[in-house]
């Protein structure tokens, strides 16, 4: 599977609108409580300290996010921010050129830059120079930035370096023991902050934290040590492993294709249509081409007539007809329309669902069987004694019927489907539940008959309700009513293995009642 197909399969499996753990997610902003004091400290030091400021942390610790928050939280009328990247431009000339461009200075030299800083100070504006990936700076570039931070009589900008911890020994060497910079070291997230971070990432991609179990969240926090960049990597690997395990289990029970589900469904519908056309074509050719032989008793009677082609209109007026038995019945096709796929939580949740808790599914196409073709073939008139019918060459049964002058019976109409069973539970049962109580969400199905069949097969403790998703009804099956989330989790472990395989998860009735009300 190519990486493109792998990414598409990953998004399709979890119904993500985009990769929630990508390195650059548009519009994502997460700022935990522990980082707010750091941001306030940066603003305070920029106002009252004369030192260069260094924000330090390992790769993936959230330095760039803090830099973005610092720029966003400044007063744009009082502060002009110049963002510089040291990646690929680590020498002094490249760094000063970027600063000069940000301040619209013609000459990328230190005196000209400081003169512009002084002019802006006269208008009441300060200058922030923020350097990303500062660990890539050369020692000469570090020396230039230290000089820029010290300033001169014309002006002094506030210089911030966002760098890995490996920069600090080099910076101390360049400073030669002088106290000319201040370091703020970032701290990793706690487990609650890791959960909050994951929830916000998933919510942006159209899902919720329920994609992970509590044990998975704890494991992700432990493996990542609370650093957000590593959280992204471990969380994505956890989802990919779970997807691969489920698809591997499914492939052991039958054929499996490395294509997204929507593509497989489309291929299945096309294949069934081709098969139906082939079966119909093969049946017609067999019925028309097979010769029908009618044999009379031995004696003085005329010899038997062999009919290899349909009789003309003249002969059909007087000849009895031979009809294939069962020709007025529809040709059976594979039971395509009866398949009702269901989507189990939490691995099949749909993008944009309320509370990010539901699943989405595309039902298989319903294909009605076409009626078989009936062919009436006349034979020679029968004399005084009843005709004996020779064994036919083709499989269809041959028997005498009324002359063709009489109208052939119309094809039998397919029986109307039986009325759908009443819902196993209505909104009234869910409305009667206390909103703080919990139930176990088992699965969701696009067709109500799928939810009804599951409830009927598994017992009275299973119920389902109807909600709207993307303008279409979705039928969600639940199990039981429990006083607390822990009680629901305990009940989950008592469910049959085949039900537990779908990863049921607890949710409170308040959210369900809201969704039922919105669907009315």
Protein backbone atom coordinates (compact mmCIF):
# COMPACT_ATOMS: atom_id res chain seq x y z
CA UNK A 1 0.00 0.00 0.00
CA UNK A 2 1.42 3.38 -0.98
CA UNK A 3 1.74 6.12 1.62
CA UNK A 4 -1.09 8.01 -0.12
CA UNK A 5 -3.43 5.04 0.15
CA UNK A 6 -2.26 4.40 3.71
CA UNK A 7 -3.09 7.96 4.74
CA UNK A 8 -6.45 7.77 2.97
CA UNK A 9 -7.25 4.46 4.67
CA UNK A 10 -6.31 5.95 8.06
CA UNK A 11 -8.60 8.95 7.58
CA UNK A 12 -11.43 6.82 6.17
CA UNK A 13 -11.21 4.24 8.97
CA UNK A 14 -11.65 6.82 11.73
CA UNK A 15 -13.70 9.31 9.68
CA UNK A 16 -11.18 12.10 10.26
CA UNK A 17 -11.46 15.28 8.20
CA UNK A 18 -7.65 15.51 8.36
CA UNK A 19 -4.78 13.89 10.23
CA UNK A 20 -5.32 15.16 13.80
CA UNK A 21 -1.71 14.52 14.74
CA UNK A 22 0.00 16.12 11.77
CA UNK A 23 2.90 18.51 12.41
CA UNK A 24 1.06 21.50 10.97
CA UNK A 25 -2.68 21.46 11.65
CA UNK A 26 -4.50 24.59 10.41
CA UNK A 27 -6.15 26.60 13.15
CA UNK A 28 -4.94 24.38 16.00
CA UNK A 29 -4.27 26.33 19.21
CA UNK A 30 -3.70 24.61 22.52
CA UNK A 31 -2.33 26.46 25.48
CA UNK A 32 -2.50 24.57 28.79
CA UNK A 33 -2.74 26.28 32.15
CA UNK A 34 0.93 25.66 33.01
CA UNK A 35 2.08 27.64 29.93
CA UNK A 36 0.09 30.77 30.78
CA UNK A 37 2.47 31.82 33.58
CA UNK A 38 5.38 31.30 31.16
CA UNK A 39 3.73 33.62 28.66
CA UNK A 40 3.16 36.22 31.36
CA UNK A 41 6.79 35.90 32.45
CA UNK A 42 7.98 36.56 28.89
CA UNK A 43 5.89 39.73 28.65
CA UNK A 44 7.17 40.88 32.07
CA UNK A 45 10.84 40.28 31.22
CA UNK A 46 10.46 41.95 27.82
CA UNK A 47 9.18 45.04 29.58
CA UNK A 48 11.57 45.26 32.51
CA UNK A 49 14.67 43.17 31.66
CA UNK A 50 17.62 44.25 29.54
CA UNK A 51 18.70 40.67 28.83
CA UNK A 52 18.29 38.42 25.81
CA UNK A 53 15.56 35.86 26.60
CA UNK A 54 15.89 32.13 25.78
CA UNK A 55 12.93 29.70 25.76
CA UNK A 56 14.40 26.19 26.02
CA UNK A 57 12.92 22.72 25.65
CA UNK A 58 13.45 19.45 23.74
CA UNK A 59 12.23 18.93 20.20
CA UNK A 60 8.42 18.82 20.19
CA UNK A 61 8.04 20.62 23.54
CA UNK A 62 5.80 23.39 22.15
CA UNK A 63 8.32 26.20 21.68
CA UNK A 64 6.88 27.33 18.36
CA UNK A 65 3.37 27.33 19.81
CA UNK A 66 4.57 29.54 22.68
CA UNK A 67 6.23 31.89 20.20
CA UNK A 68 2.97 32.16 18.26
CA UNK A 69 1.08 32.89 21.49
CA UNK A 70 3.60 35.57 22.43
CA UNK A 71 3.15 37.35 19.09
CA UNK A 72 -0.64 36.99 19.19
CA UNK A 73 -0.92 38.38 22.73
CA UNK A 74 1.10 41.55 22.13
CA UNK A 75 -0.50 44.93 21.55
CA UNK A 76 -0.05 45.42 17.82
CA UNK A 77 -0.14 49.19 18.18
CA UNK A 78 2.63 49.16 20.81
CA UNK A 79 4.81 46.27 19.59
CA UNK A 80 6.20 45.40 16.16
CA UNK A 81 7.17 41.71 16.04
CA UNK A 82 9.80 40.39 13.62
CA UNK A 83 9.90 36.57 13.34
CA UNK A 84 13.19 35.07 12.10
CA UNK A 85 14.00 31.43 11.27
CA UNK A 86 17.53 30.13 11.77
CA UNK A 87 16.86 26.95 9.78
CA UNK A 88 18.90 27.22 6.57
CA UNK A 89 19.99 30.77 7.41
CA UNK A 90 22.25 30.51 10.44
CA UNK A 91 25.02 32.98 9.59
CA UNK A 92 25.03 36.62 10.86
CA UNK A 93 24.38 38.16 7.43
CA UNK A 94 21.27 36.00 6.84
CA UNK A 95 19.86 36.72 10.30
CA UNK A 96 20.41 40.49 10.07
CA UNK A 97 18.93 40.46 6.54
CA UNK A 98 15.70 38.94 7.85
CA UNK A 99 15.52 41.47 10.70
CA UNK A 100 16.17 44.36 8.32
CA UNK A 101 13.41 43.16 5.96
CA UNK A 102 10.96 42.91 8.85
CA UNK A 103 11.73 46.49 9.90
CA UNK A 104 11.91 47.77 6.28
CA UNK A 105 15.56 48.83 6.63
CA UNK A 106 17.53 49.19 3.41
CA UNK A 107 20.95 48.18 4.78
CA UNK A 108 21.07 44.84 6.71
CA UNK A 109 23.63 46.12 9.20
CA UNK A 110 23.50 46.40 12.97
CA UNK A 111 23.76 50.25 13.19
CA UNK A 112 21.01 50.77 10.59
CA UNK A 113 18.72 48.29 12.34
CA UNK A 114 19.26 49.92 15.77
CA UNK A 115 18.62 53.36 14.25
CA UNK A 116 15.22 52.14 12.95
CA UNK A 117 14.44 50.65 16.37
CA UNK A 118 15.11 54.09 17.89
CA UNK A 119 12.81 55.80 15.38
CA UNK A 120 9.99 53.39 16.22
CA UNK A 121 10.55 54.00 19.94
CA UNK A 122 9.89 57.71 19.36
CA UNK A 123 6.45 56.80 18.00
CA UNK A 124 5.73 54.62 21.07
CA UNK A 125 6.49 51.25 19.43
CA UNK A 126 8.80 48.55 20.79
CA UNK A 127 10.45 45.89 18.62
CA UNK A 128 10.39 42.15 19.37
CA UNK A 129 12.85 39.97 17.41
CA UNK A 130 11.83 36.30 17.77
CA UNK A 131 14.19 33.61 16.42
CA UNK A 132 12.80 30.10 15.80
CA UNK A 133 15.10 27.03 15.65
CA UNK A 134 17.85 29.06 17.33
CA UNK A 135 19.89 25.91 18.02
CA UNK A 136 20.91 26.10 14.33
CA UNK A 137 22.57 29.52 14.77
CA UNK A 138 26.30 29.73 14.30
CA UNK A 139 28.43 31.19 17.12
CA UNK A 140 28.96 34.32 15.03
CA UNK A 141 25.20 34.75 14.61
CA UNK A 142 24.73 34.32 18.38
CA UNK A 143 27.29 37.08 18.95
CA UNK A 144 25.39 39.40 16.56
CA UNK A 145 22.08 38.74 18.34
CA UNK A 146 23.63 39.39 21.76
CA UNK A 147 24.89 42.71 20.43
CA UNK A 148 21.44 43.46 18.99
CA UNK A 149 19.85 42.75 22.38
CA UNK A 150 22.26 45.10 24.17
CA UNK A 151 21.46 47.89 21.67
CA UNK A 152 22.97 51.40 21.73
CA UNK A 153 21.94 54.96 22.37
CA UNK A 154 19.59 54.91 19.37
CA UNK A 155 17.49 51.97 20.53
CA UNK A 156 17.29 48.43 21.90
CA UNK A 157 14.98 45.67 20.66
CA UNK A 158 13.83 42.70 22.77
CA UNK A 159 15.41 39.51 21.41
CA UNK A 160 13.88 36.06 22.07
CA UNK A 161 15.54 32.78 21.13
CA UNK A 162 13.40 29.60 20.94
CA UNK A 163 15.83 26.68 20.99
CA UNK A 164 16.61 23.15 22.13
CA UNK A 165 18.53 22.76 25.38
CA UNK A 166 21.73 22.02 23.43
CA UNK A 167 22.06 25.74 22.65
CA UNK A 168 22.66 26.77 26.27
CA UNK A 169 26.30 25.60 26.65
CA UNK A 170 27.22 27.30 23.38
CA UNK A 171 25.48 30.52 24.41
CA UNK A 172 27.34 30.53 27.74
CA UNK A 173 30.61 30.09 25.84
CA UNK A 174 29.80 33.02 23.52
CA UNK A 175 28.78 35.22 26.46
CA UNK A 176 32.16 34.48 28.11
CA UNK A 177 30.69 34.48 31.62
CA UNK A 178 28.77 37.76 31.25
CA UNK A 179 25.21 37.82 32.54
CA UNK A 180 23.55 38.80 29.27
CA UNK A 181 20.71 36.30 28.81
CA UNK A 182 17.90 34.73 30.83
CA UNK A 183 16.62 31.14 30.30
CA UNK A 184 13.04 29.88 30.69
CA UNK A 185 12.81 26.08 30.47
CA UNK A 186 9.49 24.55 29.39
CA UNK A 187 7.94 21.70 31.39
CA UNK A 188 6.10 18.65 29.98
CA UNK A 189 2.31 18.22 30.20
CA UNK A 190 0.69 16.31 33.05
CA UNK A 191 -1.64 13.42 32.26
CA UNK A 192 -4.75 15.62 32.45
CA UNK A 193 -3.13 18.11 30.09
CA UNK A 194 -2.20 15.26 27.75
CA UNK A 195 -5.85 14.15 27.69
CA UNK A 196 -6.99 17.73 27.04
CA UNK A 197 -4.41 18.10 24.27
CA UNK A 198 -5.53 14.86 22.58
CA UNK A 199 -9.20 15.86 22.88
CA UNK A 200 -8.60 19.20 21.16
CA UNK A 201 -6.57 17.58 18.39
CA UNK A 202 -9.30 14.99 17.74
CA UNK A 203 -12.10 17.54 17.94
CA UNK A 204 -10.47 19.57 15.19
CA UNK A 205 -10.52 16.45 12.97
CA UNK A 206 -14.22 15.73 13.64
CA UNK A 207 -13.88 13.15 16.45
CA UNK A 208 -13.61 13.05 20.25
CA UNK A 209 -11.39 11.71 22.99
CA UNK A 210 -13.57 8.55 23.04
CA UNK A 211 -11.43 7.29 20.14
CA UNK A 212 -8.96 6.36 22.89
CA UNK A 213 -9.68 4.35 26.02
CA UNK A 214 -8.49 5.60 29.42
CA UNK A 215 -5.71 3.01 29.36
CA UNK A 216 -4.58 4.17 25.93
CA UNK A 217 -4.46 7.81 27.07
CA UNK A 218 -2.37 6.82 30.11
CA UNK A 219 -0.04 4.78 27.89
CA UNK A 220 0.36 7.66 25.40
CA UNK A 221 1.24 10.03 28.26
CA UNK A 222 3.77 7.59 29.69
CA UNK A 223 5.51 6.91 26.37
CA UNK A 224 5.62 10.60 25.36
CA UNK A 225 6.69 11.85 28.81
CA UNK A 226 4.16 14.64 28.30
CA UNK A 227 5.92 16.41 25.40
CA UNK A 228 3.32 17.42 22.77
CA UNK A 229 5.41 16.55 19.70
CA UNK A 230 5.95 13.01 20.97
CA UNK A 231 2.28 12.79 22.02
CA UNK A 232 1.34 13.32 18.37
CA UNK A 233 3.66 10.54 17.21
CA UNK A 234 2.63 7.98 19.84
CA UNK A 235 -1.10 8.73 19.47
CA UNK A 236 -1.02 8.28 15.70
CA UNK A 237 0.93 5.02 16.01
CA UNK A 238 -1.62 3.78 18.55
CA UNK A 239 -4.51 4.44 16.16
CA UNK A 240 -2.69 2.87 13.20
CA UNK A 241 -1.90 -0.25 15.25
CA UNK A 242 -5.53 -0.58 16.33
CA UNK A 243 -6.72 -0.15 12.73
CA UNK A 244 -4.26 -2.76 11.46
CA UNK A 245 -5.29 -5.23 14.18
CA UNK A 246 -8.98 -4.88 13.32
CA UNK A 247 -8.38 -5.19 9.58
CA UNK A 248 -6.12 -8.18 10.16
CA UNK A 249 -8.83 -9.89 12.22
CA UNK A 250 -11.38 -9.16 9.49
CA UNK A 251 -9.10 -10.51 6.76
CA UNK A 252 -8.71 -13.84 8.59
CA UNK A 253 -12.44 -14.34 8.18
CA UNK A 254 -12.44 -13.64 4.44
CA UNK A 255 -10.87 -11.67 1.67
CA UNK A 256 -9.48 -8.24 2.46
CA UNK A 257 -8.48 -5.45 0.13
CA UNK A 258 -6.13 -2.59 0.94
CA UNK A 259 -8.55 0.04 -0.30
CA UNK A 260 -10.81 2.47 1.57
CA UNK A 261 -14.28 1.17 2.39
CA UNK A 262 -16.09 3.56 0.05
CA UNK A 263 -14.00 2.27 -2.86
CA UNK A 264 -14.66 -1.36 -1.92
CA UNK A 265 -18.41 -0.72 -1.76
CA UNK A 266 -18.35 0.87 -5.20
CA UNK A 267 -16.41 -2.07 -6.63
CA UNK A 268 -18.83 -4.51 -4.99
CA UNK A 269 -21.87 -2.80 -6.53
CA UNK A 270 -20.25 -2.80 -10.00
CA UNK A 271 -19.25 -6.48 -9.68
CA UNK A 272 -22.75 -7.51 -8.62
CA UNK A 273 -24.28 -5.62 -11.54
CA UNK A 274 -21.93 -7.34 -13.99
CA UNK A 275 -22.68 -10.75 -12.45
CA UNK A 276 -26.43 -10.16 -12.68
CA UNK A 277 -26.18 -9.17 -16.36
CA UNK A 278 -24.04 -12.23 -17.09
CA UNK A 279 -26.47 -14.58 -15.37
CA UNK A 280 -29.44 -13.09 -17.24
CA UNK A 281 -27.67 -13.29 -20.58
CA UNK A 282 -26.60 -16.88 -20.00
CA UNK A 283 -30.15 -17.97 -19.06
CA UNK A 284 -31.73 -16.46 -22.20
CA UNK A 285 -29.22 -18.06 -24.56
CA UNK A 286 -29.70 -21.44 -22.91
CA UNK A 287 -33.49 -21.28 -23.15
CA UNK A 288 -33.66 -20.19 -26.81
CA UNK A 289 -30.90 -22.31 -28.30
CA UNK A 290 -31.78 -25.65 -26.70
CA UNK A 291 -33.85 -27.73 -29.18
CA UNK A 292 -37.15 -29.15 -27.90
CA UNK A 293 -38.08 -32.66 -29.16
CA UNK A 294 -41.71 -33.89 -29.06
CA UNK A 295 -42.07 -37.66 -29.83
CA UNK A 296 -45.29 -39.46 -30.83
CA UNK A 297 -46.11 -43.18 -30.27
CA UNK A 298 -44.80 -45.70 -32.78
CA UNK A 299 -47.15 -46.94 -35.50
CA UNK A 300 -48.86 -45.28 -38.40
CA UNK A 301 -48.67 -41.84 -36.84
CA UNK A 302 -46.57 -39.13 -38.52
CA UNK A 303 -42.89 -38.99 -37.57
CA UNK A 304 -41.91 -36.70 -34.71
CA UNK A 305 -41.21 -33.10 -35.47
CA UNK A 306 -38.05 -31.44 -34.24
CA UNK A 307 -38.28 -27.70 -33.64
CA UNK A 308 -34.99 -25.89 -33.62
CA UNK A 309 -36.28 -22.33 -34.27
CA UNK A 310 -39.32 -20.38 -33.06
CA UNK A 311 -42.47 -21.20 -35.08
CA UNK A 312 -43.91 -18.69 -37.53
CA UNK A 313 -47.13 -16.83 -36.89
CA UNK A 314 -49.01 -19.16 -39.26
CA UNK A 315 -48.16 -22.34 -37.45
CA UNK A 316 -48.46 -20.80 -33.99
CA UNK A 317 -52.17 -20.25 -34.55
CA UNK A 318 -52.88 -24.00 -34.55
CA UNK A 319 -50.05 -25.54 -32.58
CA UNK A 320 -50.04 -26.11 -28.84
CA UNK A 321 -47.21 -24.43 -26.94
CA UNK A 322 -44.39 -25.82 -24.86
CA UNK A 323 -43.59 -23.57 -21.88
CA UNK A 324 -40.63 -23.74 -19.53
CA UNK A 325 -41.86 -24.53 -16.07
CA UNK A 326 -41.07 -21.77 -13.64
CA UNK A 327 -40.38 -19.25 -16.42
CA UNK A 328 -42.74 -16.76 -14.80
CA UNK A 329 -40.64 -16.71 -11.63
CA UNK A 330 -37.90 -14.09 -11.09
CA UNK A 331 -34.34 -15.24 -11.51
CA UNK A 332 -32.71 -15.34 -8.05
CA UNK A 333 -29.75 -13.04 -7.56
CA UNK A 334 -27.31 -12.70 -4.65
CA UNK A 335 -28.98 -11.19 -1.59
CA UNK A 336 -27.34 -7.82 -2.05
CA UNK A 337 -30.15 -5.64 -0.79
CA UNK A 338 -30.38 -7.51 2.50
CA UNK A 339 -26.86 -6.60 3.61
CA UNK A 340 -26.98 -3.94 6.30
CA UNK A 341 -23.49 -2.95 7.41
CA UNK A 342 -23.19 -1.49 10.88
CA UNK A 343 -20.53 0.78 12.29
CA UNK A 344 -19.09 0.06 15.70
CA UNK A 345 -17.72 2.69 18.08
CA UNK A 346 -15.25 4.09 18.70
CA UNK A 347 -13.36 3.11 15.57
CA UNK A 348 -16.00 4.26 13.08
CA UNK A 349 -16.95 7.69 14.14
CA UNK A 350 -18.08 10.24 11.62
CA UNK A 351 -16.50 13.62 11.07
CA UNK A 352 -18.40 16.46 12.64
CA UNK A 353 -20.74 14.38 14.86
CA UNK A 354 -22.16 16.11 17.91
CA UNK A 355 -20.09 15.25 20.98
CA UNK A 356 -17.84 13.46 18.49
CA UNK A 357 -19.43 10.21 19.64
CA UNK A 358 -21.21 8.61 16.68
CA UNK A 359 -20.38 6.35 13.76
CA UNK A 360 -21.12 6.68 10.09
CA UNK A 361 -21.77 4.02 7.45
CA UNK A 362 -22.74 3.77 3.81
CA UNK A 363 -25.41 1.09 3.17
CA UNK A 364 -24.91 -1.34 0.30
CA UNK A 365 -26.87 -0.60 -2.88
CA UNK A 366 -30.27 -2.33 -3.05
CA UNK A 367 -30.63 -4.20 -6.38
CA UNK A 368 -33.97 -5.75 -7.26
CA UNK A 369 -33.82 -9.06 -9.18
CA UNK A 370 -34.97 -8.97 -12.78
CA UNK A 371 -37.64 -11.43 -14.00
CA UNK A 372 -36.52 -14.43 -16.03
CA UNK A 373 -37.34 -14.65 -19.75
CA UNK A 374 -40.11 -17.03 -20.82
CA UNK A 375 -39.98 -18.61 -24.29
CA UNK A 376 -43.00 -20.41 -25.81
CA UNK A 377 -42.04 -22.86 -28.61
CA UNK A 378 -44.85 -24.50 -30.63
CA UNK A 379 -44.58 -28.13 -31.88
CA UNK A 380 -46.50 -30.25 -34.37
CA UNK A 381 -50.15 -31.10 -33.59
CA UNK A 382 -50.73 -34.08 -31.33
CA UNK A 383 -52.82 -36.98 -32.76
CA UNK A 384 -55.33 -39.29 -31.12
CA UNK A 385 -53.17 -40.36 -28.20
CA UNK A 386 -51.40 -38.14 -25.64
CA UNK A 387 -47.87 -37.22 -26.58
CA UNK A 388 -44.92 -38.74 -24.81
CA UNK A 389 -42.30 -36.17 -24.09
CA UNK A 390 -38.71 -37.18 -24.69
CA UNK A 391 -36.11 -36.09 -22.15
CA UNK A 392 -35.07 -32.52 -23.02
CA UNK A 393 -31.59 -31.66 -24.03
CA UNK A 394 -31.66 -28.46 -21.95
CA UNK A 395 -32.37 -28.40 -18.17
CA UNK A 396 -35.86 -26.74 -18.30
CA UNK A 397 -38.90 -29.05 -17.78
CA UNK A 398 -41.23 -29.41 -20.82
CA UNK A 399 -45.01 -29.89 -20.44
CA UNK A 400 -48.11 -29.22 -22.64
CA UNK A 401 -49.97 -25.98 -21.99
CA UNK A 402 -52.83 -24.05 -23.55
CA UNK A 403 -52.47 -22.80 -27.15
CA UNK A 404 -50.55 -19.57 -27.67
CA UNK A 405 -53.78 -17.86 -28.76
CA UNK A 406 -54.58 -17.56 -25.07
CA UNK A 407 -52.75 -14.81 -23.21
CA UNK A 408 -49.70 -16.03 -21.31
CA UNK A 409 -49.92 -15.52 -17.54
CA UNK A 410 -48.13 -12.35 -16.39
CA UNK A 411 -44.89 -12.72 -14.38
CA UNK A 412 -45.52 -13.23 -10.70
CA UNK A 413 -45.18 -10.02 -8.72
CA UNK A 414 -42.51 -10.08 -6.02
CA UNK A 415 -44.00 -10.20 -2.59
CA UNK A 416 -43.98 -6.94 -0.68
CA UNK A 417 -41.41 -6.87 2.13
CA UNK A 418 -42.74 -7.53 5.56
CA UNK A 419 -43.44 -4.48 7.64
CA UNK A 420 -40.45 -3.36 9.68
CA UNK A 421 -40.54 -4.31 13.31
CA UNK A 422 -41.31 -1.59 15.78
CA UNK A 423 -38.28 0.01 17.42
CA UNK A 424 -36.91 -1.89 20.37
CA UNK A 425 -36.89 1.40 22.26
CA UNK A 426 -38.30 4.81 21.53
CA UNK A 427 -37.23 8.28 22.53
CA UNK A 428 -39.62 8.01 25.49
CA UNK A 429 -37.40 5.46 27.23
CA UNK A 430 -34.31 7.60 26.75
CA UNK A 431 -36.21 10.75 27.79
CA UNK A 432 -37.23 9.04 31.03
CA UNK A 433 -33.59 8.42 32.01
CA UNK A 434 -31.75 10.79 34.36
CA UNK A 435 -29.27 12.80 32.30
CA UNK A 436 -26.36 12.05 34.66
CA UNK A 437 -26.74 8.27 34.24
CA UNK A 438 -24.68 6.33 31.71
CA UNK A 439 -25.28 3.74 29.01
CA UNK A 440 -22.92 1.78 26.74
CA UNK A 441 -22.97 2.80 23.09
CA UNK A 442 -22.55 -0.36 21.01
CA UNK A 443 -22.84 0.59 17.35
CA UNK A 444 -24.56 2.82 14.79
CA UNK A 445 -26.29 1.79 11.55
CA UNK A 446 -27.61 3.73 8.58
CA UNK A 447 -30.54 1.31 8.13
CA UNK A 448 -33.04 0.91 10.94
CA UNK A 449 -33.44 -2.77 10.14
CA UNK A 450 -29.78 -3.28 11.00
CA UNK A 451 -30.26 -1.84 14.49
CA UNK A 452 -33.49 -3.83 14.92
CA UNK A 453 -31.79 -7.08 13.91
CA UNK A 454 -28.96 -6.52 16.38
CA UNK A 455 -31.36 -5.73 19.23
CA UNK A 456 -33.53 -8.75 18.42
CA UNK A 457 -30.51 -11.05 18.35
CA UNK A 458 -28.96 -9.83 21.62
CA UNK A 459 -31.81 -9.25 24.09
CA UNK A 460 -34.09 -6.75 25.78
CA UNK A 461 -31.27 -4.81 27.49
CA UNK A 462 -30.27 -3.47 24.06
CA UNK A 463 -32.20 -0.48 22.69
CA UNK A 464 -31.67 2.02 19.97
CA UNK A 465 -32.54 5.61 19.18
CA UNK A 466 -32.63 7.72 16.04
CA UNK A 467 -30.50 10.81 15.43
CA UNK A 468 -29.54 12.92 12.43
CA UNK A 469 -26.06 12.89 10.97
CA UNK A 470 -25.10 14.84 7.83
CA UNK A 471 -28.80 15.21 6.98
CA UNK A 472 -29.47 11.47 7.16
CA UNK A 473 -30.90 9.30 9.96
CA UNK A 474 -28.50 7.21 12.04
CA UNK A 475 -29.73 4.44 14.37
CA UNK A 476 -27.58 4.05 17.48
CA UNK A 477 -27.74 0.88 19.62
CA UNK A 478 -27.10 1.16 23.39
CA UNK A 479 -26.95 -1.26 26.28
CA UNK A 480 -28.35 -0.76 29.78
CA UNK A 481 -28.63 2.17 32.19
CA UNK A 482 -25.98 2.68 34.88
CA UNK A 483 -25.63 5.14 37.76
CA UNK A 484 -21.98 6.00 37.08
CA UNK A 485 -19.37 5.80 34.35
CA UNK A 486 -17.42 3.23 36.40
CA UNK A 487 -20.50 1.02 36.64
CA UNK A 488 -20.92 1.19 32.88
CA UNK A 489 -17.24 0.29 32.40
CA UNK A 490 -17.67 -2.70 34.71
CA UNK A 491 -20.74 -3.87 32.77
CA UNK A 492 -18.81 -3.56 29.53
CA UNK A 493 -16.50 -6.37 30.62
CA UNK A 494 -19.50 -8.71 31.04
CA UNK A 495 -20.70 -8.31 27.45
CA UNK A 496 -20.19 -11.12 24.91
CA UNK A 497 -16.81 -11.16 23.23
CA UNK A 498 -18.31 -10.37 19.82
CA UNK A 499 -19.91 -7.22 21.25
CA UNK A 500 -16.76 -6.18 23.11
CA UNK A 501 -14.82 -6.52 19.86
CA UNK A 502 -16.62 -3.43 18.57
CA UNK A 503 -15.11 -1.30 21.39
CA UNK A 504 -18.30 -0.14 23.18
CA UNK A 505 -17.87 2.97 25.31
CA UNK A 506 -19.83 4.79 28.05
CA UNK A 507 -21.75 7.99 27.47
CA UNK A 508 -24.33 9.85 29.53
CA UNK A 509 -28.02 10.16 28.72
CA UNK A 510 -27.93 13.97 28.65
CA UNK A 511 -26.06 13.94 25.34
CA UNK A 512 -28.35 11.26 23.89
CA UNK A 513 -31.48 13.17 24.89
CA UNK A 514 -30.12 16.27 23.18
CA UNK A 515 -29.46 14.35 19.95
CA UNK A 516 -32.95 12.80 19.98
CA UNK A 517 -34.49 16.25 20.40
CA UNK A 518 -32.45 17.63 17.49
CA UNK A 519 -33.57 14.75 15.24
CA UNK A 520 -37.28 15.52 15.70
